[in-house]
N, C-alpha and C. Protein backbone atom coordinates (compact mmCIF):
# COMPACT_ATOMS: atom_id res chain seq x y z
N MET A 1 0.54 -1.35 -0.06
CA MET A 1 0.10 0.10 -0.03
C MET A 1 0.87 1.49 0.04
N ALA A 2 0.76 1.62 -0.95
CA ALA A 2 1.42 3.45 -0.65
C ALA A 2 0.50 4.54 -1.05
N LEU A 3 0.38 5.89 0.04
CA LEU A 3 -0.27 6.98 0.55
C LEU A 3 0.10 8.02 0.02
N PHE A 4 0.57 8.00 -1.00
CA PHE A 4 1.25 9.53 -1.71
C PHE A 4 0.91 10.62 -1.47
N GLY A 5 1.95 11.78 -1.03
CA GLY A 5 1.73 13.14 -0.42
C GLY A 5 0.68 12.89 1.40
N TRP A 6 0.45 11.93 1.45
CA TRP A 6 -0.67 11.60 2.63
C TRP A 6 0.99 11.48 4.44
N ARG A 7 0.45 12.02 4.74
CA ARG A 7 1.68 12.16 6.32
C ARG A 7 1.11 11.86 7.10
N ALA A 8 1.64 10.83 8.33
CA ALA A 8 1.39 10.24 9.71
C ALA A 8 1.92 10.76 10.31
N VAL A 9 0.99 11.91 11.76
CA VAL A 9 1.26 11.96 12.77
C VAL A 9 1.47 11.30 14.72
N ILE A 10 1.83 10.70 14.57
CA ILE A 10 1.35 9.66 16.22
C ILE A 10 2.26 10.68 16.87
N LEU A 11 1.18 11.26 18.08
CA LEU A 11 1.00 11.81 19.05
C LEU A 11 1.85 10.64 19.83
N ALA A 12 2.89 11.42 20.86
CA ALA A 12 3.47 10.65 21.85
C ALA A 12 4.27 11.73 22.46
N ALA A 13 4.06 12.27 23.47
CA ALA A 13 4.28 13.49 23.85
C ALA A 13 3.54 13.93 25.58
N GLY A 14 3.16 12.36 25.57
CA GLY A 14 2.27 12.97 27.25
C GLY A 14 3.29 11.63 28.16
N ALA A 15 3.01 12.35 29.37
CA ALA A 15 3.70 11.54 30.97
C ALA A 15 3.32 10.14 31.10
N GLY A 16 1.87 10.28 30.53
CA GLY A 16 1.59 9.05 31.01
C GLY A 16 1.11 8.52 32.55
N ARG A 17 1.18 9.72 33.11
CA ARG A 17 0.49 9.61 34.27
C ARG A 17 -0.84 8.85 35.06
N ARG A 18 -1.57 8.46 34.28
CA ARG A 18 -2.62 7.39 34.36
C ARG A 18 -2.23 6.05 34.65
N PHE A 19 -1.47 5.77 33.47
CA PHE A 19 -0.49 4.62 33.76
C PHE A 19 0.41 4.54 34.56
N GLY A 20 1.05 5.59 35.51
CA GLY A 20 2.01 5.04 36.23
C GLY A 20 3.94 5.95 35.76
N GLY A 21 3.08 6.52 34.64
CA GLY A 21 5.05 7.11 34.05
C GLY A 21 5.29 6.20 33.21
N ALA A 22 5.90 6.87 32.11
CA ALA A 22 6.95 6.32 31.34
C ALA A 22 5.54 4.97 30.36
N LYS A 23 3.96 5.15 30.04
CA LYS A 23 3.87 4.19 29.55
C LYS A 23 4.07 3.59 27.96
N LEU A 24 4.20 5.04 27.15
CA LEU A 24 4.51 3.92 26.05
C LEU A 24 6.02 3.54 25.66
N LEU A 25 6.48 3.41 26.78
CA LEU A 25 8.15 2.85 27.02
C LEU A 25 8.07 1.12 27.50
N ALA A 26 6.59 1.11 27.79
CA ALA A 26 5.98 -0.02 28.67
C ALA A 26 6.18 -1.66 27.66
N PRO A 27 6.38 -2.78 27.56
CA PRO A 27 7.16 -3.26 27.01
C PRO A 27 5.68 -4.37 26.04
N LEU A 28 4.98 -4.49 25.25
CA LEU A 28 4.18 -5.10 24.35
C LEU A 28 4.96 -6.15 23.65
N ASP A 29 4.65 -7.49 24.61
CA ASP A 29 5.72 -8.42 23.95
C ASP A 29 7.12 -8.18 23.79
N GLY A 30 7.89 -7.76 25.21
CA GLY A 30 8.92 -7.91 24.79
C GLY A 30 9.42 -6.09 24.39
N VAL A 31 8.95 -5.39 23.71
CA VAL A 31 9.27 -4.72 22.51
C VAL A 31 8.13 -2.92 23.13
N PRO A 32 9.37 -2.18 23.14
CA PRO A 32 8.68 -0.50 23.72
C PRO A 32 6.91 -0.85 23.15
N MET A 33 6.26 0.17 23.48
CA MET A 33 4.74 0.59 22.83
C MET A 33 4.87 1.09 22.07
N ILE A 34 5.79 2.18 22.34
CA ILE A 34 5.42 2.62 20.91
C ILE A 34 6.25 2.31 19.86
N ARG A 35 7.14 1.29 19.86
CA ARG A 35 7.84 1.07 18.71
C ARG A 35 7.08 0.20 17.94
N ARG A 36 6.22 -0.61 18.85
CA ARG A 36 5.04 -1.62 18.12
C ARG A 36 4.54 -0.68 17.28
N THR A 37 3.68 0.46 17.75
CA THR A 37 3.05 1.46 17.30
C THR A 37 3.86 2.34 16.03
N ALA A 38 4.77 3.11 16.54
CA ALA A 38 5.68 3.04 15.15
C ALA A 38 5.83 1.83 13.60
N GLN A 39 6.35 0.93 14.06
CA GLN A 39 6.70 -0.10 13.34
C GLN A 39 4.84 -0.55 12.53
N ALA A 40 3.87 -0.32 13.42
CA ALA A 40 2.57 -0.30 12.53
C ALA A 40 2.61 0.99 11.38
N VAL A 41 2.85 2.25 11.58
CA VAL A 41 2.00 3.24 10.89
C VAL A 41 3.52 3.36 9.88
N THR A 42 4.67 3.23 9.96
CA THR A 42 6.10 3.05 9.27
C THR A 42 5.91 2.35 7.88
N ALA A 43 5.27 0.87 8.02
CA ALA A 43 4.68 -0.07 7.69
C ALA A 43 3.65 0.39 6.30
N GLY A 44 2.88 1.51 6.95
CA GLY A 44 1.79 1.94 6.06
C GLY A 44 1.79 2.76 4.69
N GLY A 45 2.69 3.35 4.18
CA GLY A 45 2.91 3.48 2.81
C GLY A 45 2.63 4.64 2.59
N PHE A 46 3.31 5.62 4.13
CA PHE A 46 3.33 7.52 3.99
C PHE A 46 4.48 7.85 3.54
N ASP A 47 4.20 9.12 3.08
CA ASP A 47 5.37 10.07 2.57
C ASP A 47 6.16 10.09 3.49
N GLU A 48 5.86 10.32 4.68
CA GLU A 48 6.58 10.84 6.17
C GLU A 48 5.75 10.65 7.06
N VAL A 49 6.43 10.23 7.90
CA VAL A 49 5.59 9.52 9.30
C VAL A 49 6.37 10.62 10.91
N ARG A 50 5.47 11.48 11.39
CA ARG A 50 6.29 12.10 12.47
C ARG A 50 5.66 11.69 13.50
N ILE A 51 6.59 11.44 14.91
CA ILE A 51 6.42 10.87 16.33
C ILE A 51 6.48 12.33 17.19
N VAL A 52 5.43 12.63 17.67
CA VAL A 52 5.73 14.24 18.31
C VAL A 52 5.79 13.51 19.54
N VAL A 53 6.87 14.55 20.39
CA VAL A 53 7.09 13.88 21.61
C VAL A 53 7.50 15.04 22.78
N GLY A 54 7.58 14.21 24.12
CA GLY A 54 7.07 15.93 24.98
C GLY A 54 8.08 15.51 26.29
N GLU A 55 7.53 14.61 26.74
CA GLU A 55 8.12 14.20 28.33
C GLU A 55 9.31 13.37 28.22
N HIS A 56 9.56 12.31 27.51
CA HIS A 56 10.59 11.43 27.75
C HIS A 56 10.83 10.99 25.87
N VAL A 57 12.00 12.63 25.31
CA VAL A 57 11.98 12.43 24.03
C VAL A 57 13.38 11.73 24.18
N ARG A 58 14.43 11.22 24.84
CA ARG A 58 15.49 10.56 24.50
C ARG A 58 14.85 9.47 24.83
N ALA A 59 14.54 9.19 25.61
CA ALA A 59 14.15 7.82 25.39
C ALA A 59 13.55 7.02 24.26
N ILE A 60 12.41 7.95 24.07
CA ILE A 60 11.46 7.65 22.91
C ILE A 60 12.55 6.88 21.71
N GLY A 61 13.11 8.46 21.53
CA GLY A 61 14.12 7.95 20.85
C GLY A 61 14.91 6.90 20.19
N ASP A 62 15.46 7.14 21.49
CA ASP A 62 16.16 5.47 21.32
C ASP A 62 15.27 3.89 21.10
N ALA A 63 13.73 4.44 21.78
CA ALA A 63 12.86 2.86 21.14
C ALA A 63 12.90 2.95 19.84
N LEU A 64 12.80 4.18 19.52
CA LEU A 64 12.73 4.26 18.15
C LEU A 64 13.71 4.05 16.61
N ALA A 65 14.68 3.96 17.41
CA ALA A 65 16.33 4.13 16.68
C ALA A 65 16.20 2.82 15.12
N GLY A 66 16.19 3.43 14.66
CA GLY A 66 15.99 2.45 13.65
C GLY A 66 15.19 2.32 11.71
N LEU A 67 13.83 2.99 12.69
CA LEU A 67 12.94 3.20 12.06
C LEU A 67 12.60 4.47 11.50
N ASN A 68 11.78 4.09 10.06
CA ASN A 68 11.75 5.30 9.19
C ASN A 68 10.75 6.26 9.58
N CYS A 69 11.08 6.88 10.65
CA CYS A 69 10.21 7.96 10.66
C CYS A 69 11.20 9.10 12.16
N HIS A 70 10.84 10.31 12.17
CA HIS A 70 11.47 11.42 13.00
C HIS A 70 10.56 12.36 14.23
N LEU A 71 11.21 12.80 14.99
CA LEU A 71 10.40 13.06 16.30
C LEU A 71 10.73 14.57 15.56
N VAL A 72 9.20 15.16 16.28
CA VAL A 72 8.98 16.29 16.19
C VAL A 72 8.90 16.83 17.89
N GLU A 73 9.70 17.90 18.43
CA GLU A 73 9.51 18.09 19.96
C GLU A 73 8.15 19.39 19.73
N ALA A 74 7.06 18.89 20.83
CA ALA A 74 6.59 19.94 21.25
C ALA A 74 6.95 20.77 22.57
N ALA A 75 7.43 21.24 22.48
CA ALA A 75 7.82 22.45 23.55
C ALA A 75 6.98 22.60 25.00
N ASP A 76 5.73 22.80 24.16
CA ASP A 76 4.56 22.85 25.09
C ASP A 76 3.37 22.13 25.31
N TRP A 77 4.13 20.73 25.42
CA TRP A 77 3.50 19.77 25.15
C TRP A 77 2.28 19.53 26.91
N GLN A 78 2.87 19.99 27.95
CA GLN A 78 2.05 20.10 29.03
C GLN A 78 0.83 21.00 28.94
N GLN A 79 0.39 21.45 28.07
CA GLN A 79 -0.57 22.51 27.79
C GLN A 79 -2.10 21.37 26.92
N GLY A 80 -1.41 19.84 27.04
CA GLY A 80 -2.40 19.01 26.32
C GLY A 80 -2.24 18.69 25.38
N MET A 81 -3.36 18.31 24.75
CA MET A 81 -3.58 17.14 24.01
C MET A 81 -2.99 17.79 21.91
N SER A 82 -4.11 19.46 22.59
CA SER A 82 -4.22 20.41 21.13
C SER A 82 -2.00 20.70 20.91
N ALA A 83 -1.78 20.82 22.02
CA ALA A 83 -0.17 21.18 21.28
C ALA A 83 0.77 20.09 20.89
N SER A 84 0.17 19.15 20.99
CA SER A 84 0.81 17.68 20.13
C SER A 84 0.44 17.68 19.23
N ILE A 85 -1.15 18.14 18.91
CA ILE A 85 -1.27 18.40 17.29
C ILE A 85 -0.46 19.34 16.37
N ARG A 86 -0.82 20.38 17.20
CA ARG A 86 0.17 21.59 16.89
C ARG A 86 1.66 21.02 16.32
N ALA A 87 2.37 20.60 17.06
CA ALA A 87 3.51 20.72 16.87
C ALA A 87 3.56 19.44 15.59
N GLY A 88 2.96 18.25 15.43
CA GLY A 88 2.78 17.37 14.47
C GLY A 88 2.23 18.28 13.16
N ILE A 89 1.52 19.05 13.16
CA ILE A 89 0.91 19.47 12.34
C ILE A 89 2.05 20.69 10.95
N ALA A 90 2.31 21.55 12.03
CA ALA A 90 3.18 22.31 11.98
C ALA A 90 4.29 21.90 10.63
N GLY A 91 4.64 23.00 9.78
CA GLY A 91 5.36 22.72 9.07
C GLY A 91 5.24 21.47 8.18
N LEU A 92 3.97 20.80 7.22
CA LEU A 92 3.62 19.64 6.84
C LEU A 92 3.36 20.83 5.75
N PRO A 93 4.02 20.14 4.22
CA PRO A 93 4.50 20.51 3.22
C PRO A 93 2.88 21.04 2.91
N ASP A 94 2.82 21.95 1.82
CA ASP A 94 1.42 22.22 1.27
C ASP A 94 1.16 21.95 0.46
N GLU A 95 1.92 21.17 -0.44
CA GLU A 95 1.33 20.39 -1.79
C GLU A 95 1.25 19.39 -1.21
N GLY A 96 0.89 18.68 0.17
CA GLY A 96 0.40 16.94 0.83
C GLY A 96 -0.88 17.00 0.41
N GLU A 97 -1.25 15.72 0.45
CA GLU A 97 -2.54 15.39 0.26
C GLU A 97 -3.51 15.59 1.69
N GLY A 98 -3.00 15.61 3.06
CA GLY A 98 -3.36 15.72 4.08
C GLY A 98 -2.50 14.75 5.37
N ALA A 99 -3.54 14.88 6.29
CA ALA A 99 -2.48 14.03 7.47
C ALA A 99 -3.72 13.02 8.29
N PHE A 100 -2.74 12.02 8.48
CA PHE A 100 -3.27 10.50 9.25
C PHE A 100 -2.97 11.42 10.98
N LEU A 101 -3.84 11.65 12.15
CA LEU A 101 -3.34 11.19 13.68
C LEU A 101 -3.63 10.15 13.94
N PHE A 102 -2.79 9.71 14.83
CA PHE A 102 -2.57 8.27 15.37
C PHE A 102 -1.87 8.91 16.86
N LEU A 103 -2.66 7.91 17.06
CA LEU A 103 -2.05 7.81 19.29
C LEU A 103 -1.06 6.44 19.69
N GLY A 104 -0.09 7.43 20.42
CA GLY A 104 1.49 6.28 20.50
C GLY A 104 0.57 4.82 21.49
N ASP A 105 -0.41 4.91 22.15
CA ASP A 105 -0.81 4.16 23.11
C ASP A 105 -1.66 3.66 22.20
N MET A 106 -2.17 3.30 21.06
CA MET A 106 -2.85 2.18 20.00
C MET A 106 -1.90 1.46 19.24
N PRO A 107 -1.46 0.51 19.72
CA PRO A 107 -0.28 -0.27 18.97
C PRO A 107 -0.79 -1.35 17.37
N LEU A 108 -1.88 -1.24 18.47
CA LEU A 108 -3.39 -2.46 16.81
C LEU A 108 -3.64 -1.78 16.47
N VAL A 109 -3.40 -0.39 16.37
CA VAL A 109 -4.11 0.50 15.03
C VAL A 109 -4.11 0.12 13.88
N PRO A 110 -5.49 -0.59 13.06
CA PRO A 110 -5.72 -0.62 12.02
C PRO A 110 -5.01 0.27 10.84
N VAL A 111 -4.26 -0.09 10.56
CA VAL A 111 -3.52 0.76 9.61
C VAL A 111 -3.83 0.64 7.81
N ALA A 112 -4.07 -1.28 8.02
CA ALA A 112 -4.59 -1.26 7.07
C ALA A 112 -5.89 -0.21 6.33
N LEU A 113 -6.78 -0.04 6.85
CA LEU A 113 -7.94 1.29 6.64
C LEU A 113 -7.81 2.04 5.90
N CYS A 114 -6.15 2.49 6.14
CA CYS A 114 -5.89 4.17 5.53
C CYS A 114 -6.21 4.41 4.26
N GLY A 115 -5.82 3.30 3.32
CA GLY A 115 -6.42 3.78 2.19
C GLY A 115 -8.14 3.66 1.87
N GLU A 116 -9.14 2.76 2.45
CA GLU A 116 -10.67 3.75 2.31
C GLU A 116 -10.29 4.37 3.08
N LEU A 117 -9.90 5.11 4.16
CA LEU A 117 -10.45 5.86 5.25
C LEU A 117 -9.53 7.89 4.10
N VAL A 118 -8.65 7.30 2.95
CA VAL A 118 -8.54 8.26 2.18
C VAL A 118 -9.81 8.24 1.57
N ARG A 119 -10.01 7.87 0.84
CA ARG A 119 -11.42 8.34 -0.32
C ARG A 119 -12.47 8.39 0.75
N LEU A 120 -13.02 7.81 1.75
CA LEU A 120 -14.09 8.36 2.50
C LEU A 120 -13.69 10.02 2.83
N ALA A 121 -12.55 10.28 3.00
CA ALA A 121 -12.30 11.11 3.84
C ALA A 121 -12.17 12.74 2.24
N GLN A 122 -12.15 11.73 1.48
CA GLN A 122 -12.06 13.14 -0.09
C GLN A 122 -13.43 13.07 -0.50
N ARG A 123 -14.22 12.00 -0.02
CA ARG A 123 -15.46 12.04 -0.63
C ARG A 123 -16.50 13.24 0.04
N SER A 124 -15.71 12.89 1.72
CA SER A 124 -16.12 14.06 2.70
C SER A 124 -15.98 15.56 2.08
N GLY A 125 -14.80 15.75 2.02
CA GLY A 125 -14.47 16.63 2.09
C GLY A 125 -13.83 17.32 3.29
N TYR A 126 -13.59 16.48 3.95
CA TYR A 126 -13.12 17.29 5.30
C TYR A 126 -12.09 16.14 6.31
N ALA A 127 -12.65 14.97 7.07
CA ALA A 127 -12.18 13.71 7.25
C ALA A 127 -13.21 12.83 7.48
N ALA A 128 -12.12 11.58 7.85
CA ALA A 128 -12.90 10.41 8.04
C ALA A 128 -12.16 9.26 9.18
N ARG A 129 -13.08 8.51 9.94
CA ARG A 129 -12.04 8.01 11.13
C ARG A 129 -13.03 6.38 10.96
N PRO A 130 -12.63 5.36 11.42
CA PRO A 130 -13.09 4.29 11.63
C PRO A 130 -14.09 4.57 13.15
N ARG A 131 -15.19 3.18 12.45
CA ARG A 131 -16.58 3.48 13.86
C ARG A 131 -16.12 1.84 14.52
N VAL A 132 -16.57 1.28 15.55
CA VAL A 132 -16.48 0.44 15.96
C VAL A 132 -17.78 0.32 17.21
N ASP A 133 -18.72 -0.62 16.19
CA ASP A 133 -20.09 -0.84 17.24
C ASP A 133 -20.57 0.91 17.85
N GLY A 134 -20.21 1.42 16.41
CA GLY A 134 -20.80 2.69 17.16
C GLY A 134 -20.06 3.78 17.73
N LYS A 135 -19.18 3.34 17.53
CA LYS A 135 -17.56 4.55 18.68
C LYS A 135 -16.61 4.99 17.99
N PRO A 136 -16.68 6.15 17.92
CA PRO A 136 -15.51 6.56 16.83
C PRO A 136 -13.73 5.91 17.41
N GLY A 137 -13.24 5.52 16.53
CA GLY A 137 -12.07 5.58 16.53
C GLY A 137 -10.59 5.91 16.13
N HIS A 138 -9.90 5.09 16.35
CA HIS A 138 -8.65 5.68 14.97
C HIS A 138 -7.77 4.77 14.01
N PRO A 139 -7.29 5.48 13.63
CA PRO A 139 -6.75 6.59 12.70
C PRO A 139 -7.53 7.82 12.52
N VAL A 140 -7.53 8.98 12.46
CA VAL A 140 -8.50 9.72 11.99
C VAL A 140 -7.59 10.76 11.13
N CYS A 141 -8.47 11.06 9.52
CA CYS A 141 -7.53 11.35 8.05
C CYS A 141 -8.43 12.38 7.78
N PHE A 142 -7.20 13.48 8.25
CA PHE A 142 -7.64 14.73 7.62
C PHE A 142 -7.29 14.86 6.25
N VAL A 143 -8.22 15.91 5.28
CA VAL A 143 -8.22 16.25 3.78
C VAL A 143 -7.11 17.19 4.46
N ARG A 144 -6.17 17.94 3.32
CA ARG A 144 -5.50 19.41 3.38
C ARG A 144 -6.01 20.82 3.55
N SER A 145 -7.46 20.86 2.84
CA SER A 145 -7.93 21.90 3.28
C SER A 145 -8.34 21.95 4.88
N ALA A 146 -8.42 21.14 5.79
CA ALA A 146 -8.97 20.77 6.92
C ALA A 146 -7.39 20.91 7.86
N LEU A 147 -6.53 21.33 7.56
CA LEU A 147 -5.52 20.93 8.54
C LEU A 147 -5.05 22.33 9.79
N PRO A 148 -5.87 23.57 8.95
CA PRO A 148 -5.67 24.87 9.76
C PRO A 148 -6.27 25.11 10.90
N ASP A 149 -7.67 24.02 10.52
CA ASP A 149 -8.57 23.81 11.88
C ASP A 149 -7.83 23.52 13.47
N LEU A 150 -6.74 21.71 12.47
CA LEU A 150 -5.77 21.57 13.64
C LEU A 150 -4.56 22.86 14.08
N ILE A 151 -4.00 23.13 13.36
CA ILE A 151 -3.15 24.24 14.10
C ILE A 151 -4.30 25.33 14.94
N ARG A 152 -5.61 25.49 15.20
CA ARG A 152 -6.00 26.51 15.35
C ARG A 152 -6.58 25.65 16.63
N LEU A 153 -6.08 24.59 17.09
CA LEU A 153 -7.00 23.59 18.66
C LEU A 153 -5.87 24.80 19.34
N SER A 154 -6.71 24.50 20.68
CA SER A 154 -6.01 24.64 21.99
C SER A 154 -6.62 24.03 23.12
N GLY A 155 -5.66 23.69 24.33
CA GLY A 155 -5.95 23.24 25.67
C GLY A 155 -5.87 21.80 25.81
N ASP A 156 -6.55 21.11 26.52
CA ASP A 156 -6.38 19.76 26.47
C ASP A 156 -7.86 18.87 26.03
N ARG A 157 -7.47 19.27 24.42
CA ARG A 157 -8.58 19.00 23.88
C ARG A 157 -7.56 18.07 22.36
N GLY A 158 -8.64 17.33 21.59
CA GLY A 158 -7.93 16.73 20.91
C GLY A 158 -9.07 16.91 19.22
N ALA A 159 -8.91 16.62 18.61
CA ALA A 159 -8.99 16.66 17.18
C ALA A 159 -10.61 16.55 16.90
N GLY A 160 -11.21 15.31 18.29
CA GLY A 160 -12.52 16.01 18.47
C GLY A 160 -13.20 16.65 17.91
N ASP A 161 -12.21 18.47 18.84
CA ASP A 161 -13.40 19.52 18.51
C ASP A 161 -12.86 19.94 17.16
N ALA A 162 -12.25 19.70 16.58
CA ALA A 162 -12.08 20.39 14.88
C ALA A 162 -13.50 19.28 14.33
N LEU A 163 -13.62 18.26 14.61
CA LEU A 163 -14.50 17.43 13.97
C LEU A 163 -16.07 18.09 14.12
N LYS A 164 -16.52 18.77 15.17
CA LYS A 164 -17.92 19.15 15.11
C LYS A 164 -18.33 20.05 14.31
N ASP A 165 -19.28 19.75 14.07
CA ASP A 165 -19.99 20.14 12.68
C ASP A 165 -19.43 20.06 12.13
N ARG A 166 -18.57 19.31 11.28
CA ARG A 166 -18.20 19.06 10.04
C ARG A 166 -18.28 17.68 9.41
N SER A 167 -18.31 17.44 8.10
CA SER A 167 -18.39 16.84 7.60
C SER A 167 -17.62 15.79 7.53
N LEU A 168 -17.89 14.16 8.18
CA LEU A 168 -17.02 13.29 8.40
C LEU A 168 -17.94 11.71 7.80
N ALA A 169 -16.75 11.42 7.75
CA ALA A 169 -16.99 10.27 7.34
C ALA A 169 -16.58 9.31 8.60
N TYR A 170 -17.50 7.98 8.40
CA TYR A 170 -17.03 6.78 9.15
C TYR A 170 -16.74 5.39 8.26
N LEU A 171 -16.12 5.02 8.88
CA LEU A 171 -15.50 3.68 7.93
C LEU A 171 -15.99 2.57 9.46
N ASP A 172 -16.77 1.77 9.37
CA ASP A 172 -17.63 0.73 10.43
C ASP A 172 -16.49 -0.74 9.91
N THR A 173 -15.93 -1.30 11.13
CA THR A 173 -14.99 -2.03 11.10
C THR A 173 -15.72 -2.83 12.18
N ASP A 174 -15.08 -4.18 12.05
CA ASP A 174 -14.99 -4.69 13.66
C ASP A 174 -13.68 -5.17 14.49
N ASP A 175 -12.92 -4.13 13.18
CA ASP A 175 -11.10 -4.34 14.21
C ASP A 175 -11.08 -3.59 15.43
N SER A 176 -11.00 -4.14 16.29
CA SER A 176 -10.92 -3.87 17.65
C SER A 176 -9.85 -2.88 18.11
N GLY A 177 -9.05 -3.14 17.58
CA GLY A 177 -7.46 -2.31 17.36
C GLY A 177 -7.96 -0.64 17.15
N ALA A 178 -8.89 -0.54 16.24
CA ALA A 178 -9.05 1.39 16.32
C ALA A 178 -10.22 1.84 18.13
N LEU A 179 -10.38 0.84 18.38
CA LEU A 179 -10.68 1.70 19.73
C LEU A 179 -9.68 1.02 20.47
N LEU A 180 -8.50 0.38 20.78
CA LEU A 180 -8.29 -0.42 21.98
C LEU A 180 -6.64 0.56 21.99
N ASP A 181 -6.57 1.40 23.10
CA ASP A 181 -5.69 2.66 23.71
C ASP A 181 -5.33 1.99 25.16
N ILE A 182 -3.71 2.29 24.98
CA ILE A 182 -3.42 1.41 26.29
C ILE A 182 -3.04 2.61 27.82
N ASP A 183 -4.24 2.37 28.86
CA ASP A 183 -4.26 3.42 30.22
C ASP A 183 -3.52 3.00 31.77
N ASP A 184 -3.99 1.62 30.74
CA ASP A 184 -3.44 1.05 32.62
C ASP A 184 -3.30 -0.47 32.14
N ALA A 185 -2.85 -0.85 33.58
CA ALA A 185 -2.14 -2.52 33.51
C ALA A 185 -3.31 -2.94 33.07
N ALA A 186 -4.49 -3.32 33.51
CA ALA A 186 -5.07 -4.13 32.36
C ALA A 186 -5.36 -3.51 30.74
N SER A 187 -5.72 -2.51 30.53
CA SER A 187 -5.91 -2.29 29.18
C SER A 187 -4.01 -2.93 28.48
N LEU A 188 -2.65 -2.85 28.91
CA LEU A 188 -2.16 -3.21 28.11
C LEU A 188 -1.89 -4.94 28.56
N ALA A 189 -2.36 -5.82 29.45
CA ALA A 189 -2.46 -6.97 29.15
C ALA A 189 -3.94 -7.52 28.39
N LEU A 190 -4.38 -6.63 28.07
CA LEU A 190 -5.43 -6.85 26.97
C LEU A 190 -4.88 -6.78 25.68
N ALA A 191 -4.19 -5.44 25.17
CA ALA A 191 -3.27 -5.69 24.17
C ALA A 191 -2.73 -6.42 24.03
N GLU A 192 -1.73 -6.94 25.13
CA GLU A 192 -1.03 -8.05 24.91
C GLU A 192 -1.26 -9.24 24.34
N ARG A 193 -2.33 -9.60 25.02
CA ARG A 193 -3.14 -10.78 24.62
C ARG A 193 -3.62 -10.21 22.90
N ALA A 194 -4.72 -9.67 23.11
CA ALA A 194 -4.76 -9.21 20.88
C ALA A 194 -3.70 -9.33 20.20
N TRP A 195 -2.55 -8.80 20.95
CA TRP A 195 -1.11 -8.98 19.89
C TRP A 195 -0.48 -10.39 19.80
N ASN A 196 -0.89 -11.01 20.66
CA ASN A 196 -0.44 -12.56 20.43
C ASN A 196 -1.18 -13.71 19.47
N SER A 197 -2.51 -13.25 19.62
CA SER A 197 -3.50 -13.88 18.56
C SER A 197 -3.05 -13.02 17.58
N ARG A 198 -3.00 -11.97 17.39
CA ARG A 198 -2.96 -12.03 15.87
C ARG A 198 -1.62 -12.56 15.20
N ALA A 199 -0.65 -12.07 16.36
CA ALA A 199 0.73 -12.93 15.97
C ALA A 199 1.06 -14.09 15.47
N THR A 200 -0.28 -14.95 16.47
CA THR A 200 -0.49 -16.58 16.16
C THR A 200 -0.97 -16.72 14.56
N SER A 201 -1.90 -15.90 14.64
CA SER A 201 -2.80 -16.46 13.76
C SER A 201 -2.05 -15.79 12.31
N ALA A 202 -1.34 -14.98 12.18
CA ALA A 202 -0.55 -14.60 10.85
C ALA A 202 0.32 -15.68 10.49
N THR A 203 1.08 -16.15 11.85
CA THR A 203 1.76 -17.17 11.74
C THR A 203 1.46 -18.48 10.82
N THR A 204 0.18 -18.67 11.22
CA THR A 204 -0.68 -20.17 11.12
C THR A 204 -1.16 -19.67 9.39
N ASP A 205 -1.32 -18.43 8.77
CA ASP A 205 -1.74 -17.56 7.75
C ASP A 205 -0.77 -17.89 6.69
N SER A 206 0.63 -17.65 7.08
CA SER A 206 1.92 -17.89 6.75
C SER A 206 2.03 -18.92 5.76
N ALA A 207 1.86 -20.06 6.98
CA ALA A 207 2.74 -21.65 6.89
C ALA A 207 0.92 -22.11 6.20
N ILE A 208 0.39 -22.06 5.78
CA ILE A 208 -1.24 -22.97 4.83
C ILE A 208 -0.12 -22.15 3.75
N SER A 209 0.06 -20.81 3.35
CA SER A 209 0.26 -19.91 2.30
C SER A 209 1.08 -20.91 1.91
N ARG A 210 2.21 -21.58 2.13
CA ARG A 210 3.34 -21.67 2.04
C ARG A 210 3.46 -23.63 1.53
N GLY A 211 2.18 -23.84 2.35
CA GLY A 211 2.02 -25.77 2.09
C GLY A 211 2.11 -26.04 3.39
N ALA A 212 2.76 -25.48 4.42
CA ALA A 212 3.37 -26.69 5.54
C ALA A 212 2.60 -26.87 6.35
N LEU A 213 1.10 -25.91 6.57
CA LEU A 213 0.45 -26.51 7.07
C LEU A 213 -1.18 -27.17 6.00
N PRO A 214 -1.68 -27.57 6.09
CA PRO A 214 -3.16 -28.18 5.55
C PRO A 214 -4.28 -26.66 5.51
N ARG A 215 -4.93 -26.22 4.37
CA ARG A 215 -6.02 -25.11 4.77
C ARG A 215 -6.93 -25.77 5.46
N PRO A 216 -7.83 -25.34 6.11
CA PRO A 216 -8.62 -25.41 7.02
C PRO A 216 -10.06 -25.80 6.01
């Protein structure tokens, strides 16, 4: 999949206090959570992947070593999520098609849906996002003309404020990764189980395609 002209912004500037600190560095199947998220996003075919950092700049940089992405520091990250969004969107090329917002604590985010989200966002003229059982999820795709609204966000408010009273398209899916964010030990354990289940399924599918296992 190639998403020419599209940029990905991963928000990873928070301190993770609800988690007990350094949430994005917590291991998911032995690898820092933020690296798991970044690995998924960098494999998505975007022209550029930005990771917005704040509290744990050096440690997150170390965790992402070798990946095709670059860090953007949000100096005012303590002002809330809007500061991270502004830092991630500022300076994006004017000629781009638009941008996706990802959350660093959602390592099972369904990146495979991004191509369809692009089509829906362009059709709506503003944005598109997944929806699971009626609940809005991530990532959120914004067309280029919508990006100035993200720059104008303020306070501890996310992109939801930019979506109010706007033409927003939804992509209904049963992929729970669109909703599964990690805020505490319980949600990390849930994510770990889901991760291991998907890894096992992928290994089995690969073995079947190679003929190493019989087809069911």
